[in-house]
PDB file of N, CA and C in Angstrom:
ATOM      1  N   MET A   1     -63.802  31.881 140.445  1.00  0.00           N
ATOM      2  CA  MET A   1     -63.925  33.001 139.560  1.00  0.00           C
ATOM      3  C   MET A   1     -64.981  32.746 138.492  1.00  0.00           C
ATOM      4  N   THR A   2     -65.007  31.531 138.007  1.00  0.00           N
ATOM      5  CA  THR A   2     -66.045  31.201 137.026  1.00  0.00           C
ATOM      6  C   THR A   2     -67.417  31.265 137.661  1.00  0.00           C
ATOM      7  N   PHE A   3     -67.450  30.900 138.934  1.00  0.00           N
ATOM      8  CA  PHE A   3     -68.744  30.930 139.609  1.00  0.00           C
ATOM      9  C   PHE A   3     -69.260  32.373 139.701  1.00  0.00           C
ATOM     10  N   VAL A   4     -68.405  33.329 140.018  1.00  0.00           N
ATOM     11  CA  VAL A   4     -68.783  34.737 140.105  1.00  0.00           C
ATOM     12  C   VAL A   4     -69.193  35.253 138.724  1.00  0.00           C
ATOM     13  N   ALA A   5     -68.478  34.843 137.691  1.00  0.00           N
ATOM     14  CA  ALA A   5     -68.811  35.255 136.327  1.00  0.00           C
ATOM     15  C   ALA A   5     -70.172  34.696 135.934  1.00  0.00           C
ATOM     16  N   ASP A   6     -70.457  33.472 136.329  1.00  0.00           N
ATOM     17  CA  ASP A   6     -71.761  32.884 136.013  1.00  0.00           C
ATOM     18  C   ASP A   6     -72.885  33.626 136.739  1.00  0.00           C
ATOM     19  N   ILE A   7     -72.649  34.001 137.994  1.00  0.00           N
ATOM     20  CA  ILE A   7     -73.667  34.728 138.752  1.00  0.00           C
ATOM     21  C   ILE A   7     -73.916  36.107 138.107  1.00  0.00           C
ATOM     22  N   LEU A   8     -72.856  36.789 137.704  1.00  0.00           N
ATOM     23  CA  LEU A   8     -73.027  38.087 137.027  1.00  0.00           C
ATOM     24  C   LEU A   8     -73.736  37.913 135.687  1.00  0.00           C
ATOM     25  N   MET A   9     -73.460  36.829 134.990  1.00  0.00           N
ATOM     26  CA  MET A   9     -74.113  36.565 133.708  1.00  0.00           C
ATOM     27  C   MET A   9     -75.609  36.327 133.907  1.00  0.00           C
ATOM     28  N   VAL A  10     -75.984  35.580 134.935  1.00  0.00           N
ATOM     29  CA  VAL A  10     -77.397  35.302 135.229  1.00  0.00           C
ATOM     30  C   VAL A  10     -78.083  36.603 135.655  1.00  0.00           C
ATOM     31  N   ALA A  11     -77.429  37.426 136.474  1.00  0.00           N
ATOM     32  CA  ALA A  11     -78.007  38.696 136.906  1.00  0.00           C
ATOM     33  C   ALA A  11     -78.212  39.615 135.706  1.00  0.00           C
ATOM     34  N   GLY A  12     -77.254  39.662 134.813  1.00  0.00           N
ATOM     35  CA  GLY A  12     -77.400  40.471 133.595  1.00  0.00           C
ATOM     36  C   GLY A  12     -78.538  39.962 132.728  1.00  0.00           C
ATOM     37  N   THR A  13     -78.690  38.650 132.651  1.00  0.00           N
ATOM     38  CA  THR A  13     -79.772  38.072 131.850  1.00  0.00           C
ATOM     39  C   THR A  13     -81.120  38.441 132.447  1.00  0.00           C
ATOM     40  N   PHE A  14     -81.245  38.363 133.782  1.00  0.00           N
ATOM     41  CA  PHE A  14     -82.507  38.765 134.416  1.00  0.00           C
ATOM     42  C   PHE A  14     -82.784  40.274 134.203  1.00  0.00           C
ATOM     43  N   GLY A  15     -81.753  41.076 134.262  1.00  0.00           N
ATOM     44  CA  GLY A  15     -81.916  42.519 134.023  1.00  0.00           C
ATOM     45  C   GLY A  15     -82.401  42.802 132.603  1.00  0.00           C
ATOM     46  N   VAL A  16     -81.802  42.104 131.635  1.00  0.00           N
ATOM     47  CA  VAL A  16     -82.223  42.294 130.242  1.00  0.00           C
ATOM     48  C   VAL A  16     -83.643  41.779 130.053  1.00  0.00           C
ATOM     49  N   ALA A  17     -83.998  40.642 130.704  1.00  0.00           N
ATOM     50  CA  ALA A  17     -85.366  40.111 130.585  1.00  0.00           C
ATOM     51  C   ALA A  17     -86.373  41.100 131.164  1.00  0.00           C
ATOM     52  N   PHE A  18     -86.053  41.695 132.321  1.00  0.00           N
ATOM     53  CA  PHE A  18     -86.948  42.685 132.926  1.00  0.00           C
ATOM     54  C   PHE A  18     -87.070  43.917 132.019  1.00  0.00           C
ATOM     55  N   TYR A  19     -85.981  44.360 131.431  1.00  0.00           N
ATOM     56  CA  TYR A  19     -86.001  45.498 130.524  1.00  0.00           C
ATOM     57  C   TYR A  19     -86.875  45.202 129.298  1.00  0.00           C
ATOM     58  N   CYS A  20     -86.761  43.992 128.747  1.00  0.00           N
ATOM     59  CA  CYS A  20     -87.593  43.593 127.597  1.00  0.00           C
ATOM     60  C   CYS A  20     -89.068  43.567 127.985  1.00  0.00           C
ATOM     61  N   TYR A  21     -89.373  43.107 129.204  1.00  0.00           N
ATOM     62  CA  TYR A  21     -90.759  43.073 129.669  1.00  0.00           C
ATOM     63  C   TYR A  21     -91.338  44.487 129.748  1.00  0.00           C
ATOM     64  N   VAL A  22     -90.566  45.427 130.294  1.00  0.00           N
ATOM     65  CA  VAL A  22     -91.019  46.813 130.401  1.00  0.00           C
ATOM     66  C   VAL A  22     -91.225  47.415 129.006  1.00  0.00           C
ATOM     67  N   LEU A  23     -90.298  47.177 128.101  1.00  0.00           N
ATOM     68  CA  LEU A  23     -90.442  47.692 126.737  1.00  0.00           C
ATOM     69  C   LEU A  23     -91.661  47.105 126.035  1.00  0.00           C
ATOM     70  N   SER A  24     -91.931  45.825 126.263  1.00  0.00           N
ATOM     71  CA  SER A  24     -93.089  45.194 125.626  1.00  0.00           C
ATOM     72  C   SER A  24     -94.389  45.786 126.145  1.00  0.00           C
ATOM     73  N   ALA A  25     -94.448  46.089 127.452  1.00  0.00           N
ATOM     74  CA  ALA A  25     -95.657  46.714 128.004  1.00  0.00           C
ATOM     75  C   ALA A  25     -95.845  48.118 127.429  1.00  0.00           C
ATOM     76  N   ARG A  26     -94.771  48.854 127.308  1.00  0.00           N
ATOM     77  CA  ARG A  26     -94.878  50.193 126.713  1.00  0.00           C
ATOM     78  C   ARG A  26     -95.302  50.125 125.249  1.00  0.00           C
ATOM     79  N   LEU A  27     -94.787  49.164 124.533  1.00  0.00           N
ATOM     80  CA  LEU A  27     -95.146  49.013 123.123  1.00  0.00           C
ATOM     81  C   LEU A  27     -96.611  48.633 122.964  1.00  0.00           C
ATOM     82  N   LYS A  28     -97.126  47.807 123.855  1.00  0.00           N
ATOM     83  CA  LYS A  28     -98.553  47.447 123.804  1.00  0.00           C
ATOM     84  C   LYS A  28     -99.420  48.676 124.048  1.00  0.00           C
ATOM     85  N   ARG A  29     -99.047  49.481 125.041  1.00  0.00           N
ATOM     86  CA  ARG A  29     -99.819  50.707 125.306  1.00  0.00           C
ATOM     87  C   ARG A  29     -99.701  51.699 124.152  1.00  0.00           C
ATOM     88  N   PHE A  30     -98.561  51.737 123.512  1.00  0.00           N
ATOM     89  CA  PHE A  30     -98.348  52.654 122.396  1.00  0.00           C
ATOM     90  C   PHE A  30     -99.194  52.265 121.186  1.00  0.00           C
ATOM     91  N   SER A  31     -99.363  50.999 120.975  1.00  0.00           N
ATOM     92  CA  SER A  31    -100.018  50.559 119.746  1.00  0.00           C
ATOM     93  C   SER A  31    -101.502  50.251 119.887  1.00  0.00           C
ATOM     94  N   THR A  32    -102.091  50.394 121.069  1.00  0.00           N
ATOM     95  CA  THR A  32    -103.534  50.159 121.185  1.00  0.00           C
ATOM     96  C   THR A  32    -104.288  51.205 120.387  1.00  0.00           C
ATOM     97  N   LEU A  33    -105.294  50.762 119.644  1.00  0.00           N
ATOM     98  CA  LEU A  33    -106.026  51.657 118.758  1.00  0.00           C
ATOM     99  C   LEU A  33    -107.018  52.538 119.509  1.00  0.00           C
ATOM    100  N   GLU A  34    -107.510  52.092 120.650  1.00  0.00           N
ATOM    101  CA  GLU A  34    -108.564  52.838 121.327  1.00  0.00           C
ATOM    102  C   GLU A  34    -108.031  54.025 122.109  1.00  0.00           C
ATOM    103  N   SER A  35    -106.959  53.829 122.871  1.00  0.00           N
ATOM    104  CA  SER A  35    -106.565  54.870 123.800  1.00  0.00           C
ATOM    105  C   SER A  35    -105.142  55.375 123.604  1.00  0.00           C
ATOM    106  N   GLY A  36    -104.316  54.620 122.986  1.00  0.00           N
ATOM    107  CA  GLY A  36    -102.913  55.005 122.925  1.00  0.00           C
ATOM    108  C   GLY A  36    -102.573  55.836 121.712  1.00  0.00           C
ATOM    109  N   MET A  37    -101.307  55.805 121.384  1.00  0.00           N
ATOM    110  CA  MET A  37    -100.794  56.562 120.258  1.00  0.00           C
ATOM    111  C   MET A  37    -101.350  56.041 118.951  1.00  0.00           C
ATOM    112  N   GLY A  38    -101.671  54.746 118.926  1.00  0.00           N
ATOM    113  CA  GLY A  38    -102.264  54.166 117.716  1.00  0.00           C
ATOM    114  C   GLY A  38    -103.608  54.807 117.397  1.00  0.00           C
ATOM    115  N   GLY A  39    -104.383  55.106 118.447  1.00  0.00           N
ATOM    116  CA  GLY A  39    -105.670  55.777 118.250  1.00  0.00           C
ATOM    117  C   GLY A  39    -105.480  57.171 117.676  1.00  0.00           C
ATOM    118  N   ALA A  40    -104.495  57.867 118.200  1.00  0.00           N
ATOM    119  CA  ALA A  40    -104.216  59.218 117.687  1.00  0.00           C
ATOM    120  C   ALA A  40    -103.765  59.159 116.237  1.00  0.00           C
ATOM    121  N   ILE A  41    -102.959  58.166 115.916  1.00  0.00           N
ATOM    122  CA  ILE A  41    -102.502  58.006 114.532  1.00  0.00           C
ATOM    123  C   ILE A  41    -103.672  57.665 113.624  1.00  0.00           C
ATOM    124  N   ALA A  42    -104.589  56.808 114.087  1.00  0.00           N
ATOM    125  CA  ALA A  42    -105.755  56.446 113.283  1.00  0.00           C
ATOM    126  C   ALA A  42    -106.652  57.668 113.047  1.00  0.00           C
ATOM    127  N   VAL A  43    -106.841  58.493 114.070  1.00  0.00           N
ATOM    128  CA  VAL A  43    -107.662  59.704 113.920  1.00  0.00           C
ATOM    129  C   VAL A  43    -107.009  60.669 112.941  1.00  0.00           C
ATOM    130  N   LEU A  44    -105.708  60.860 113.072  1.00  0.00           N
ATOM    131  CA  LEU A  44    -105.004  61.750 112.158  1.00  0.00           C
ATOM    132  C   LEU A  44    -105.050  61.240 110.720  1.00  0.00           C
ATOM    133  N   SER A  45    -104.962  59.945 110.559  1.00  0.00           N
ATOM    134  CA  SER A  45    -105.043  59.361 109.220  1.00  0.00           C
ATOM    135  C   SER A  45    -106.411  59.608 108.602  1.00  0.00           C
ATOM    136  N   ALA A  46    -107.471  59.466 109.396  1.00  0.00           N
ATOM    137  CA  ALA A  46    -108.824  59.740 108.892  1.00  0.00           C
ATOM    138  C   ALA A  46    -108.968  61.212 108.532  1.00  0.00           C
ATOM    139  N   GLN A  47    -108.393  62.101 109.332  1.00  0.00           N
ATOM    140  CA  GLN A  47    -108.464  63.531 109.030  1.00  0.00           C
ATOM    141  C   GLN A  47    -107.703  63.871 107.754  1.00  0.00           C
ATOM    142  N   VAL A  48    -106.580  63.218 107.542  1.00  0.00           N
ATOM    143  CA  VAL A  48    -105.818  63.443 106.308  1.00  0.00           C
ATOM    144  C   VAL A  48    -106.646  63.006 105.098  1.00  0.00           C
ATOM    145  N   ASP A  49    -107.338  61.871 105.212  1.00  0.00           N
ATOM    146  CA  ASP A  49    -108.198  61.417 104.112  1.00  0.00           C
ATOM    147  C   ASP A  49    -109.322  62.405 103.845  1.00  0.00           C
ATOM    148  N   ASP A  50    -109.937  62.924 104.909  1.00  0.00           N
ATOM    149  CA  ASP A  50    -111.004  63.921 104.735  1.00  0.00           C
ATOM    150  C   ASP A  50    -110.470  65.188 104.076  1.00  0.00           C
ATOM    151  N   MET A  51    -109.314  65.634 104.518  1.00  0.00           N
ATOM    152  CA  MET A  51    -108.723  66.834 103.933  1.00  0.00           C
ATOM    153  C   MET A  51    -108.356  66.620 102.468  1.00  0.00           C
ATOM    154  N   THR A  52    -107.906  65.435 102.130  1.00  0.00           N
ATOM    155  CA  THR A  52    -107.576  65.138 100.733  1.00  0.00           C
ATOM    156  C   THR A  52    -108.820  65.219  99.865  1.00  0.00           C
ATOM    157  N   ARG A  53    -109.931  64.668 100.354  1.00  0.00           N
ATOM    158  CA  ARG A  53    -111.186  64.738  99.594  1.00  0.00           C
ATOM    159  C   ARG A  53    -111.675  66.184  99.493  1.00  0.00           C
ATOM    160  N   ALA A  54    -111.567  66.945 100.571  1.00  0.00           N
ATOM    161  CA  ALA A  54    -111.991  68.348 100.545  1.00  0.00           C
ATOM    162  C   ALA A  54    -111.129  69.158  99.585  1.00  0.00           C
ATOM    163  N   LEU A  55    -109.851  68.872  99.554  1.00  0.00           N
ATOM    164  CA  LEU A  55    -108.954  69.563  98.635  1.00  0.00           C
ATOM    165  C   LEU A  55    -109.306  69.245  97.189  1.00  0.00           C
ATOM    166  N   ALA A  56    -109.635  67.990  96.907  1.00  0.00           N
ATOM    167  CA  ALA A  56    -110.031  67.621  95.547  1.00  0.00           C
ATOM    168  C   ALA A  56    -111.310  68.352  95.135  1.00  0.00           C
ATOM    169  N   ARG A  57    -112.283  68.458  96.070  1.00  0.00           N
ATOM    170  CA  ARG A  57    -113.518  69.194  95.761  1.00  0.00           C
ATOM    171  C   ARG A  57    -113.225  70.672  95.529  1.00  0.00           C
ATOM    172  N   ALA A  58    -112.351  71.251  96.345  1.00  0.00           N
ATOM    173  CA  ALA A  58    -112.012  72.669  96.194  1.00  0.00           C
ATOM    174  C   ALA A  58    -111.304  72.923  94.868  1.00  0.00           C
ATOM    175  N   GLN A  59    -110.438  72.002  94.467  1.00  0.00           N
ATOM    176  CA  GLN A  59    -109.756  72.158  93.187  1.00  0.00           C
ATOM    177  C   GLN A  59    -110.740  72.080  92.027  1.00  0.00           C
ATOM    178  N   ALA A  60    -111.711  71.172  92.122  1.00  0.00           N
ATOM    179  CA  ALA A  60    -112.724  71.063  91.066  1.00  0.00           C
ATOM    180  C   ALA A  60    -113.562  72.334  90.994  1.00  0.00           C
ATOM    181  N   ALA A  61    -113.937  72.876  92.136  1.00  0.00           N
ATOM    182  CA  ALA A  61    -114.722  74.115  92.157  1.00  0.00           C
ATOM    183  C   ALA A  61    -113.905  75.281  91.605  1.00  0.00           C
ATOM    184  N   ALA A  62    -112.638  75.351  91.951  1.00  0.00           N
ATOM    185  CA  ALA A  62    -111.783  76.428  91.451  1.00  0.00           C
ATOM    186  C   ALA A  62    -111.609  76.328  89.939  1.00  0.00           C
ATOM    187  N   THR A  63    -111.496  75.117  89.429  1.00  0.00           N
ATOM    188  CA  THR A  63    -111.365  74.933  87.984  1.00  0.00           C
ATOM    189  C   THR A  63    -112.629  75.401  87.273  1.00  0.00           C
ATOM    190  N   GLY A  64    -113.793  75.044  87.835  1.00  0.00           N
ATOM    191  CA  GLY A  64    -115.056  75.493  87.249  1.00  0.00           C
ATOM    192  C   GLY A  64    -115.204  77.000  87.300  1.00  0.00           C
ATOM    193  N   SER A  65    -114.812  77.602  88.420  1.00  0.00           N
ATOM    194  CA  SER A  65    -114.890  79.061  88.554  1.00  0.00           C
ATOM    195  C   SER A  65    -113.939  79.751  87.587  1.00  0.00           C
ATOM    196  N   ALA A  66    -112.772  79.181  87.397  1.00  0.00           N
ATOM    197  CA  ALA A  66    -111.803  79.770  86.467  1.00  0.00           C
ATOM    198  C   ALA A  66    -112.339  79.726  85.037  1.00  0.00           C
ATOM    199  N   ALA A  67    -112.977  78.622  84.670  1.00  0.00           N
ATOM    200  CA  ALA A  67    -113.543  78.521  83.322  1.00  0.00           C
ATOM    201  C   ALA A  67    -114.667  79.540  83.132  1.00  0.00           C
ATOM    202  N   THR A  68    -115.518  79.684  84.141  1.00  0.00           N
ATOM    203  CA  THR A  68    -116.609  80.659  84.062  1.00  0.00           C
ATOM    204  C   THR A  68    -116.052  82.074  83.969  1.00  0.00           C
ATOM    205  N   LEU A  69    -115.058  82.370  84.784  1.00  0.00           N
ATOM    206  CA  LEU A  69    -114.449  83.695  84.775  1.00  0.00           C
ATOM    207  C   LEU A  69    -113.790  83.983  83.429  1.00  0.00           C
ATOM    208  N   GLU A  70    -113.166  82.985  82.846  1.00  0.00           N
ATOM    209  CA  GLU A  70    -112.527  83.175  81.547  1.00  0.00           C
ATOM    210  C   GLU A  70    -113.564  83.481  80.467  1.00  0.00           C
ATOM    211  N   SER A  71    -114.697  82.784  80.485  1.00  0.00           N
ATOM    212  CA  SER A  71    -115.731  83.047  79.481  1.00  0.00           C
ATOM    213  C   SER A  71    -116.347  84.426  79.688  1.00  0.00           C
ATOM    214  N   LEU A  72    -116.556  84.830  80.944  1.00  0.00           N
ATOM    215  CA  LEU A  72    -117.097  86.161  81.215  1.00  0.00           C
ATOM    216  C   LEU A  72    -116.117  87.255  80.798  1.00  0.00           C
ATOM    217  N   THR A  73    -114.840  87.027  81.003  1.00  0.00           N
ATOM    218  CA  THR A  73    -113.831  87.992  80.589  1.00  0.00           C
ATOM    219  C   THR A  73    -113.816  88.133  79.074  1.00  0.00           C
ATOM    220  N   LEU A  74    -113.938  87.034  78.375  1.00  0.00           N
ATOM    221  CA  LEU A  74    -113.987  87.069  76.919  1.00  0.00           C
ATOM    222  C   LEU A  74    -115.211  87.852  76.437  1.00  0.00           C
ATOM    223  N   ARG A  75    -116.365  87.622  77.075  1.00  0.00           N
ATOM    224  CA  ARG A  75    -117.568  88.373  76.707  1.00  0.00           C
ATOM    225  C   ARG A  75    -117.384  89.867  76.966  1.00  0.00           C
ATOM    226  N   ALA A  76    -116.762  90.212  78.098  1.00  0.00           N
ATOM    227  CA  ALA A  76    -116.543  91.617  78.427  1.00  0.00           C
ATOM    228  C   ALA A  76    -115.590  92.271  77.430  1.00  0.00           C
ATOM    229  N   GLU A  77    -114.546  91.569  77.026  1.00  0.00           N
ATOM    230  CA  GLU A  77    -113.616  92.119  76.042  1.00  0.00           C
ATOM    231  C   GLU A  77    -114.312  92.336  74.708  1.00  0.00           C
ATOM    232  N   THR A  78    -115.183  91.418  74.311  1.00  0.00           N
ATOM    233  CA  THR A  78    -115.937  91.565  73.062  1.00  0.00           C
ATOM    234  C   THR A  78    -116.861  92.768  73.137  1.00  0.00           C
ATOM    235  N   ALA A  79    -117.556  92.925  74.267  1.00  0.00           N
ATOM    236  CA  ALA A  79    -118.453  94.069  74.436  1.00  0.00           C
ATOM    237  C   ALA A  79    -117.666  95.376  74.442  1.00  0.00           C
ATOM    238  N   ALA A  80    -116.507  95.393  75.063  1.00  0.00           N
ATOM    239  CA  ALA A  80    -115.683  96.606  75.092  1.00  0.00           C
ATOM    240  C   ALA A  80    -115.220  96.967  73.684  1.00  0.00           C
ATOM    241  N   ALA A  81    -114.866  95.964  72.893  1.00  0.00           N
ATOM    242  CA  ALA A  81    -114.451  96.244  71.517  1.00  0.00           C
ATOM    243  C   ALA A  81    -115.609  96.832  70.716  1.00  0.00           C
ATOM    244  N   ARG A  82    -116.816  96.295  70.904  1.00  0.00           N
ATOM    245  CA  ARG A  82    -117.980  96.846  70.198  1.00  0.00           C
ATOM    246  C   ARG A  82    -118.257  98.280  70.640  1.00  0.00           C
ATOM    247  N   LEU A  83    -118.124  98.544  71.942  1.00  0.00           N
ATOM    248  CA  LEU A  83    -118.339  99.906  72.434  1.00  0.00           C
ATOM    249  C   LEU A  83    -117.306 100.873  71.862  1.00  0.00           C
ATOM    250  N   GLU A  84    -116.074 100.431  71.722  1.00  0.00           N
ATOM    251  CA  GLU A  84    -115.055 101.284  71.128  1.00  0.00           C
ATOM    252  C   GLU A  84    -115.387 101.611  69.684  1.00  0.00           C
ATOM    253  N   VAL A  85    -115.883 100.625  68.942  1.00  0.00           N
ATOM    254  CA  VAL A  85    -116.274 100.869  67.550  1.00  0.00           C
ATOM    255  C   VAL A  85    -117.436 101.844  67.499  1.00  0.00           C
ATOM    256  N   MET A  86    -118.426 101.694  68.384  1.00  0.00           N
ATOM    257  CA  MET A  86    -119.560 102.622  68.415  1.00  0.00           C
ATOM    258  C   MET A  86    -119.110 104.033  68.757  1.00  0.00           C
ATOM    259  N   LEU A  87    -118.213 104.152  69.709  1.00  0.00           N
ATOM    260  CA  LEU A  87    -117.709 105.457  70.097  1.00  0.00           C
ATOM    261  C   LEU A  87    -116.929 106.105  68.957  1.00  0.00           C
ATOM    262  N   ALA A  88    -116.149 105.311  68.243  1.00  0.00           N
ATOM    263  CA  ALA A  88    -115.403 105.843  67.099  1.00  0.00           C
ATOM    264  C   ALA A  88    -116.355 106.275  65.996  1.00  0.00           C
ATOM    265  N   SER A  89    -117.468 105.568  65.827  1.00  0.00           N
ATOM    266  CA  SER A  89    -118.420 105.957  64.783  1.00  0.00           C
ATOM    267  C   SER A  89    -119.162 107.230  65.156  1.00  0.00           C
ATOM    268  N   LEU A  90    -119.260 107.578  66.427  1.00  0.00           N
ATOM    269  CA  LEU A  90    -119.893 108.828  66.837  1.00  0.00           C
ATOM    270  C   LEU A  90    -119.096 110.043  66.388  1.00  0.00           C
ATOM    271  N   HIS A  91    -117.804 109.905  66.258  1.00  0.00           N
ATOM    272  CA  HIS A  91    -116.968 111.011  65.812  1.00  0.00           C
ATOM    273  C   HIS A  91    -117.207 111.324  64.342  1.00  0.00           C
ATOM    274  N   ASP A  92    -117.746 110.370  63.600  1.00  0.00           N
ATOM    275  CA  ASP A  92    -117.995 110.581  62.175  1.00  0.00           C
ATOM    276  C   ASP A  92    -119.319 111.278  61.909  1.00  0.00           C
ATOM    277  N   LEU A  93    -120.166 111.493  62.891  1.00  0.00           N
ATOM    278  CA  LEU A  93    -121.457 112.142  62.694  1.00  0.00           C
ATOM    279  C   LEU A  93    -121.254 113.641  62.445  1.00  0.00           C
ATOM    280  N   PRO A  94    -122.099 114.250  61.591  1.00  0.00           N
ATOM    281  CA  PRO A  94    -121.956 115.698  61.343  1.00  0.00           C
ATOM    282  C   PRO A  94    -122.437 116.492  62.553  1.00  0.00           C
ATOM    283  N   GLU A  95    -121.973 117.746  62.634  1.00  0.00           N
ATOM    284  CA  GLU A  95    -122.376 118.635  63.719  1.00  0.00           C
ATOM    285  C   GLU A  95    -123.814 119.071  63.500  1.00  0.00           C
ATOM    286  N   ARG A  96    -124.454 119.645  64.510  1.00  0.00           N
ATOM    287  CA  ARG A  96    -125.839 120.130  64.383  1.00  0.00           C
ATOM    288  C   ARG A  96    -125.887 121.349  63.461  1.00  0.00           C
ATOM    289  N   ALA A  97    -127.029 121.530  62.814  1.00  0.00           N
ATOM    290  CA  ALA A  97    -127.181 122.643  61.879  1.00  0.00           C
ATOM    291  C   ALA A  97    -127.287 123.973  62.611  1.00  0.00           C
ATOM    292  N   ASP A  98    -128.032 124.027  63.678  1.00  0.00           N
ATOM    293  CA  ASP A  98    -128.178 125.287  64.390  1.00  0.00           C
ATOM    294  C   ASP A  98    -127.063 125.437  65.419  1.00  0.00           C
ATOM    295  N   ASP A  99    -126.307 126.506  65.267  1.00  0.00           N
ATOM    296  CA  ASP A  99    -125.148 126.727  66.124  1.00  0.00           C
ATOM    297  C   ASP A  99    -125.525 127.273  67.490  1.00  0.00           C
ATOM    298  N   ASP A 100    -126.730 127.864  67.588  1.00  0.00           N
ATOM    299  CA  ASP A 100    -127.099 128.457  68.862  1.00  0.00           C
ATOM    300  C   ASP A 100    -127.684 127.412  69.821  1.00  0.00           C
ATOM    301  N   ALA A 101    -127.549 126.138  69.491  1.00  0.00           N
ATOM    302  CA  ALA A 101    -128.067 125.099  70.371  1.00  0.00           C
ATOM    303  C   ALA A 101    -127.336 125.112  71.706  1.00  0.00           C
ATOM    304  N   GLY A 102    -126.088 125.486  71.694  1.00  0.00           N
ATOM    305  CA  GLY A 102    -125.329 125.543  72.932  1.00  0.00           C
ATOM    306  C   GLY A 102    -125.676 126.765  73.754  1.00  0.00           C
ATOM    307  N   ASP A 103    -126.201 127.827  73.087  1.00  0.00           N
ATOM    308  CA  ASP A 103    -126.546 129.050  73.795  1.00  0.00           C
ATOM    309  C   ASP A 103    -127.948 129.011  74.375  1.00  0.00           C
ATOM    310  N   ARG A 104    -128.698 128.061  73.996  1.00  0.00           N
ATOM    311  CA  ARG A 104    -130.073 127.970  74.497  1.00  0.00           C
ATOM    312  C   ARG A 104    -130.079 127.660  75.981  1.00  0.00           C
ATOM    313  N   ARG A 105    -131.021 128.285  76.642  1.00  0.00           N
ATOM    314  CA  ARG A 105    -131.197 128.000  78.061  1.00  0.00           C
ATOM    315  C   ARG A 105    -132.605 127.504  78.254  1.00  0.00           C
ATOM    316  N   LEU A 106    -132.758 126.602  79.129  1.00  0.00           N
ATOM    317  CA  LEU A 106    -134.085 126.070  79.412  1.00  0.00           C
ATOM    318  C   LEU A 106    -134.877 127.090  80.201  1.00  0.00           C
ATOM    319  N   ARG A 107    -136.139 127.222  79.838  1.00  0.00           N
ATOM    320  CA  ARG A 107    -137.012 128.155  80.561  1.00  0.00           C
ATOM    321  C   ARG A 107    -138.055 127.354  81.308  1.00  0.00           C
ATOM    322  N   PHE A 108    -138.314 127.768  82.497  1.00  0.00           N
ATOM    323  CA  PHE A 108    -139.362 127.137  83.287  1.00  0.00           C
ATOM    324  C   PHE A 108    -140.487 128.144  83.464  1.00  0.00           C
ATOM    325  N   VAL A 109    -141.688 127.738  83.124  1.00  0.00           N
ATOM    326  CA  VAL A 109    -142.847 128.621  83.232  1.00  0.00           C
ATOM    327  C   VAL A 109    -143.746 128.057  84.306  1.00  0.00           C
ATOM    328  N   ARG A 110    -144.120 128.944  85.244  1.00  0.00           N
ATOM    329  CA  ARG A 110    -145.032 128.512  86.293  1.00  0.00           C
ATOM    330  C   ARG A 110    -146.407 129.063  85.975  1.00  0.00           C
ATOM    331  N   ARG A 111    -147.341 128.218  86.077  1.00  0.00           N
ATOM    332  CA  ARG A 111    -148.713 128.657  85.845  1.00  0.00           C
ATOM    333  C   ARG A 111    -149.517 128.370  87.086  1.00  0.00           C
ATOM    334  N   ARG A 112    -150.381 129.276  87.382  1.00  0.00           N
ATOM    335  CA  ARG A 112    -151.214 129.082  88.560  1.00  0.00           C
ATOM    336  C   ARG A 112    -152.541 128.487  88.137  1.00  0.00           C
ATOM    337  N   ASN A 113    -152.995 127.600  88.971  1.00  0.00           N
ATOM    338  CA  ASN A 113    -154.324 127.043  88.733  1.00  0.00           C
ATOM    339  C   ASN A 113    -155.370 128.043  89.182  1.00  0.00           C
ATOM    340  N   GLY A 114    -156.537 127.932  88.622  1.00  0.00           N
ATOM    341  CA  GLY A 114    -157.629 128.812  89.021  1.00  0.00           C
ATOM    342  C   GLY A 114    -158.001 128.607  90.472  1.00  0.00           C
ATOM    343  N   ARG A 115    -157.846 127.417  90.941  1.00  0.00           N
ATOM    344  CA  ARG A 115    -158.187 127.109  92.318  1.00  0.00           C
ATOM    345  C   ARG A 115    -157.228 127.792  93.277  1.00  0.00           C
ATOM    346  N   ASP A 116    -155.954 127.850  92.920  1.00  0.00           N
ATOM    347  CA  ASP A 116    -154.981 128.505  93.775  1.00  0.00           C
ATOM    348  C   ASP A 116    -155.269 130.004  93.884  1.00  0.00           C
ATOM    349  N   GLU A 117    -155.684 130.593  92.787  1.00  0.00           N
ATOM    350  CA  GLU A 117    -155.982 132.042  92.793  1.00  0.00           C
ATOM    351  C   GLU A 117    -157.208 132.328  93.656  1.00  0.00           C
ATOM    352  N   ALA A 118    -158.168 131.409  93.618  1.00  0.00           N
ATOM    353  CA  ALA A 118    -159.373 131.626  94.409  1.00  0.00           C
ATOM    354  C   ALA A 118    -159.061 131.516  95.897  1.00  0.00           C
ATOM    355  N   GLU A 119    -158.182 130.668  96.237  1.00  0.00           N
ATOM    356  CA  GLU A 119    -157.852 130.495  97.648  1.00  0.00           C
ATOM    357  C   GLU A 119    -157.039 131.677  98.173  1.00  0.00           C
ATOM    358  N   THR A 120    -156.185 132.240  97.361  1.00  0.00           N
ATOM    359  CA  THR A 120    -155.347 133.330  97.835  1.00  0.00           C
ATOM    360  C   THR A 120    -156.061 134.668  97.763  1.00  0.00           C
ATOM    361  N   GLY A 121    -157.138 134.728  97.043  1.00  0.00           N
ATOM    362  CA  GLY A 121    -157.913 135.971  96.999  1.00  0.00           C
ATOM    363  C   GLY A 121    -157.439 136.902  95.909  1.00  0.00           C
ATOM    364  N   ILE A 122    -156.724 136.467  94.914  1.00  0.00           N
ATOM    365  CA  ILE A 122    -156.224 137.332  93.857  1.00  0.00           C
ATOM    366  C   ILE A 122    -157.254 137.469  92.773  1.00  0.00           C
TER     367      ILE A 122
END
């Protein structure tokens, strides 16, 4: 009985050794930098670094644009306030002296050149 137990123990040991060998080969293929999963991880890591740098540049540009926009908005608000003051001061101006200014109509006078009259025979 001990002999059978020893044979089963040796068979189990060989099975575990073969299993460890297969796992080690898979792990080597997984971790190779050129072709395996390690290569994919290295490429993704480089892309993450590039994206981080691009994000930092975009944030710097957005901060600069926000500062420029804020200064332009301040200038526009100042100009609008000045325009409001000018418009309010227009209400203080006196009316025109001649009241018939609104009743006036523009007249258009056509004059003929001497050359035109000669050509038409008038």
